[in-house]
Amino acid sequence: MDGEPLLVDVMGMRCPIPVQRLRMALRENPESPQIHLRGDDPESLHDIPVLLDRMGLPPAEVSEFDGGWLFVVTTNQ
């Protein structure tokens, strides 16, 4: 992998899809240093941190943009 973050776009998708897609991306791309999850489901503001905690990963950096949020997930690599 060249160090580029993997983008997971879940705009318009509701719970539980964002969590499922992030979990799948983490499992299928263990060499990726970062995963960027772009979504607009307000439940993700709670669900994504819970998932990362359960997986033993550091909290995501979260920034808001017009219409949604970007979660920058750093893996343990």
N, C-alpha and C. Protein backbone atom coordinates (compact mmCIF):
# COMPACT_ATOMS: atom_id res chain seq x y z
N MET A 1 0.85 -1.19 0.00
CA MET A 1 0.00 0.00 0.00
C MET A 1 0.88 1.23 0.00
N ASP A 2 0.47 2.27 -0.68
CA ASP A 2 1.29 3.46 -0.82
C ASP A 2 1.07 4.49 0.27
N GLY A 3 0.30 4.18 1.29
CA GLY A 3 0.07 5.10 2.38
C GLY A 3 -1.11 6.01 2.18
N GLU A 4 -1.77 5.93 1.04
CA GLU A 4 -2.95 6.75 0.80
C GLU A 4 -4.10 6.26 1.66
N PRO A 5 -4.88 7.18 2.23
CA PRO A 5 -6.03 6.74 3.01
C PRO A 5 -7.10 6.11 2.11
N LEU A 6 -7.79 5.16 2.67
CA LEU A 6 -8.91 4.53 1.98
C LEU A 6 -10.16 5.34 2.28
N LEU A 7 -10.92 5.72 1.25
CA LEU A 7 -12.15 6.49 1.44
C LEU A 7 -13.34 5.55 1.42
N VAL A 8 -14.14 5.63 2.48
CA VAL A 8 -15.40 4.88 2.56
C VAL A 8 -16.51 5.93 2.59
N ASP A 9 -17.28 6.01 1.51
CA ASP A 9 -18.34 7.01 1.40
C ASP A 9 -19.68 6.36 1.72
N VAL A 10 -20.28 6.76 2.83
CA VAL A 10 -21.57 6.22 3.23
C VAL A 10 -22.63 7.33 3.30
N MET A 11 -22.45 8.36 2.48
CA MET A 11 -23.43 9.44 2.44
C MET A 11 -24.80 8.88 2.06
N GLY A 12 -25.80 9.28 2.81
CA GLY A 12 -27.17 8.84 2.55
C GLY A 12 -27.52 7.49 3.14
N MET A 13 -26.55 6.82 3.73
CA MET A 13 -26.81 5.50 4.32
C MET A 13 -27.02 5.64 5.83
N ARG A 14 -27.97 4.91 6.33
CA ARG A 14 -28.33 5.00 7.74
C ARG A 14 -27.87 3.77 8.50
N CYS A 15 -27.89 3.90 9.82
CA CYS A 15 -27.51 2.85 10.74
C CYS A 15 -28.25 1.57 10.37
N PRO A 16 -27.55 0.49 10.34
CA PRO A 16 -26.19 0.18 10.78
C PRO A 16 -25.15 0.17 9.65
N ILE A 17 -25.51 0.64 8.46
CA ILE A 17 -24.61 0.52 7.30
C ILE A 17 -23.26 1.21 7.51
N PRO A 18 -23.19 2.46 8.03
CA PRO A 18 -21.87 3.08 8.20
C PRO A 18 -20.93 2.26 9.08
N VAL A 19 -21.43 1.71 10.17
CA VAL A 19 -20.60 0.90 11.06
C VAL A 19 -20.17 -0.39 10.36
N GLN A 20 -21.08 -1.01 9.65
CA GLN A 20 -20.75 -2.25 8.94
C GLN A 20 -19.70 -2.00 7.86
N ARG A 21 -19.83 -0.91 7.13
CA ARG A 21 -18.87 -0.61 6.06
C ARG A 21 -17.49 -0.29 6.64
N LEU A 22 -17.45 0.44 7.77
CA LEU A 22 -16.17 0.74 8.39
C LEU A 22 -15.53 -0.54 8.92
N ARG A 23 -16.30 -1.37 9.58
CA ARG A 23 -15.76 -2.64 10.10
C ARG A 23 -15.20 -3.49 8.96
N MET A 24 -15.92 -3.58 7.85
CA MET A 24 -15.47 -4.35 6.71
C MET A 24 -14.18 -3.74 6.12
N ALA A 25 -14.11 -2.43 6.02
CA ALA A 25 -12.92 -1.77 5.49
C ALA A 25 -11.70 -2.03 6.38
N LEU A 26 -11.90 -2.00 7.68
CA LEU A 26 -10.80 -2.27 8.61
C LEU A 26 -10.30 -3.71 8.47
N ARG A 27 -11.22 -4.64 8.34
CA ARG A 27 -10.85 -6.05 8.23
C ARG A 27 -10.19 -6.37 6.88
N GLU A 28 -10.70 -5.77 5.82
CA GLU A 28 -10.22 -6.10 4.48
C GLU A 28 -8.99 -5.30 4.06
N ASN A 29 -8.63 -4.27 4.81
CA ASN A 29 -7.50 -3.41 4.46
C ASN A 29 -6.60 -3.18 5.67
N PRO A 30 -6.08 -4.24 6.27
CA PRO A 30 -5.29 -4.07 7.49
C PRO A 30 -4.00 -3.28 7.27
N GLU A 31 -3.53 -3.19 6.03
CA GLU A 31 -2.31 -2.45 5.75
C GLU A 31 -2.54 -0.95 5.57
N SER A 32 -3.78 -0.54 5.46
CA SER A 32 -4.09 0.88 5.26
C SER A 32 -3.84 1.66 6.55
N PRO A 33 -3.00 2.71 6.50
CA PRO A 33 -2.70 3.46 7.72
C PRO A 33 -3.88 4.32 8.20
N GLN A 34 -4.74 4.72 7.27
CA GLN A 34 -5.91 5.53 7.63
C GLN A 34 -7.09 5.14 6.76
N ILE A 35 -8.26 5.27 7.37
CA ILE A 35 -9.50 5.11 6.64
C ILE A 35 -10.32 6.37 6.88
N HIS A 36 -10.78 6.98 5.80
CA HIS A 36 -11.63 8.15 5.90
C HIS A 36 -13.06 7.72 5.62
N LEU A 37 -13.91 7.91 6.60
CA LEU A 37 -15.33 7.57 6.46
C LEU A 37 -16.10 8.87 6.31
N ARG A 38 -16.80 9.01 5.21
CA ARG A 38 -17.57 10.22 4.92
C ARG A 38 -19.05 9.85 4.97
N GLY A 39 -19.79 10.48 5.88
CA GLY A 39 -21.20 10.14 6.02
C GLY A 39 -22.03 11.26 6.61
N ASP A 40 -23.33 11.03 6.63
CA ASP A 40 -24.25 12.05 7.14
C ASP A 40 -25.27 11.53 8.14
N ASP A 41 -25.08 10.31 8.63
CA ASP A 41 -25.99 9.75 9.63
C ASP A 41 -25.57 10.23 11.01
N PRO A 42 -26.41 11.02 11.70
CA PRO A 42 -26.04 11.53 13.02
C PRO A 42 -25.74 10.42 14.03
N GLU A 43 -26.32 9.24 13.86
CA GLU A 43 -26.05 8.13 14.77
C GLU A 43 -24.58 7.71 14.73
N SER A 44 -23.92 7.98 13.62
CA SER A 44 -22.50 7.63 13.49
C SER A 44 -21.63 8.37 14.49
N LEU A 45 -22.07 9.54 14.92
CA LEU A 45 -21.30 10.30 15.91
C LEU A 45 -21.17 9.52 17.22
N HIS A 46 -22.09 8.64 17.48
CA HIS A 46 -22.03 7.76 18.64
C HIS A 46 -21.48 6.39 18.27
N ASP A 47 -21.98 5.83 17.17
CA ASP A 47 -21.67 4.45 16.81
C ASP A 47 -20.22 4.21 16.40
N ILE A 48 -19.63 5.13 15.65
CA ILE A 48 -18.26 4.94 15.18
C ILE A 48 -17.28 4.93 16.36
N PRO A 49 -17.36 5.89 17.30
CA PRO A 49 -16.46 5.82 18.45
C PRO A 49 -16.61 4.53 19.26
N VAL A 50 -17.83 4.03 19.39
CA VAL A 50 -18.05 2.78 20.13
C VAL A 50 -17.38 1.62 19.40
N LEU A 51 -17.53 1.55 18.08
CA LEU A 51 -16.90 0.49 17.31
C LEU A 51 -15.38 0.53 17.47
N LEU A 52 -14.79 1.71 17.32
CA LEU A 52 -13.33 1.83 17.41
C LEU A 52 -12.84 1.43 18.80
N ASP A 53 -13.57 1.82 19.83
CA ASP A 53 -13.19 1.43 21.19
C ASP A 53 -13.23 -0.08 21.35
N ARG A 54 -14.28 -0.70 20.85
CA ARG A 54 -14.40 -2.17 20.94
C ARG A 54 -13.29 -2.89 20.18
N MET A 55 -12.81 -2.26 19.11
CA MET A 55 -11.76 -2.88 18.30
C MET A 55 -10.35 -2.52 18.80
N GLY A 56 -10.28 -1.70 19.87
CA GLY A 56 -8.99 -1.32 20.43
C GLY A 56 -8.24 -0.31 19.59
N LEU A 57 -8.96 0.47 18.79
CA LEU A 57 -8.35 1.49 17.95
C LEU A 57 -8.50 2.86 18.59
N PRO A 58 -7.61 3.79 18.25
CA PRO A 58 -7.73 5.14 18.80
C PRO A 58 -8.99 5.84 18.28
N PRO A 59 -9.48 6.82 19.01
CA PRO A 59 -10.66 7.56 18.55
C PRO A 59 -10.40 8.23 17.20
N ALA A 60 -11.44 8.35 16.41
CA ALA A 60 -11.33 9.01 15.11
C ALA A 60 -11.27 10.52 15.30
N GLU A 61 -10.59 11.17 14.37
CA GLU A 61 -10.67 12.63 14.28
C GLU A 61 -11.93 12.90 13.47
N VAL A 62 -12.78 13.77 13.99
CA VAL A 62 -14.05 14.04 13.33
C VAL A 62 -14.10 15.51 12.95
N SER A 63 -14.43 15.76 11.69
CA SER A 63 -14.64 17.14 11.26
C SER A 63 -15.98 17.20 10.53
N GLU A 64 -16.61 18.36 10.66
CA GLU A 64 -17.91 18.55 10.04
C GLU A 64 -17.73 19.27 8.71
N PHE A 65 -18.51 18.86 7.72
CA PHE A 65 -18.55 19.58 6.46
C PHE A 65 -20.01 19.79 6.12
N ASP A 66 -20.28 20.58 5.13
CA ASP A 66 -21.65 20.90 4.75
C ASP A 66 -22.41 19.62 4.41
N GLY A 67 -23.26 19.20 5.30
CA GLY A 67 -24.09 18.03 5.05
C GLY A 67 -23.63 16.75 5.70
N GLY A 68 -22.53 16.77 6.44
CA GLY A 68 -22.09 15.53 7.05
C GLY A 68 -20.83 15.65 7.87
N TRP A 69 -20.19 14.49 8.08
CA TRP A 69 -18.99 14.41 8.90
C TRP A 69 -17.95 13.55 8.20
N LEU A 70 -16.69 13.86 8.49
CA LEU A 70 -15.58 13.04 8.02
C LEU A 70 -14.90 12.47 9.25
N PHE A 71 -14.83 11.14 9.31
CA PHE A 71 -14.15 10.44 10.39
C PHE A 71 -12.80 9.97 9.84
N VAL A 72 -11.71 10.41 10.45
CA VAL A 72 -10.39 9.95 10.05
C VAL A 72 -9.97 8.91 11.07
N VAL A 73 -9.94 7.67 10.62
CA VAL A 73 -9.63 6.53 11.48
C VAL A 73 -8.18 6.11 11.23
N THR A 74 -7.38 6.16 12.27
CA THR A 74 -5.99 5.72 12.17
C THR A 74 -5.89 4.32 12.74
N THR A 75 -5.34 3.41 11.94
CA THR A 75 -5.20 2.03 12.38
C THR A 75 -3.95 1.90 13.24
N ASN A 76 -3.75 0.74 13.79
CA ASN A 76 -2.59 0.48 14.66
C ASN A 76 -1.32 0.25 13.89
N GLN A 77 -1.35 0.33 12.58
CA GLN A 77 -0.16 0.09 11.77
C GLN A 77 0.86 1.19 11.95
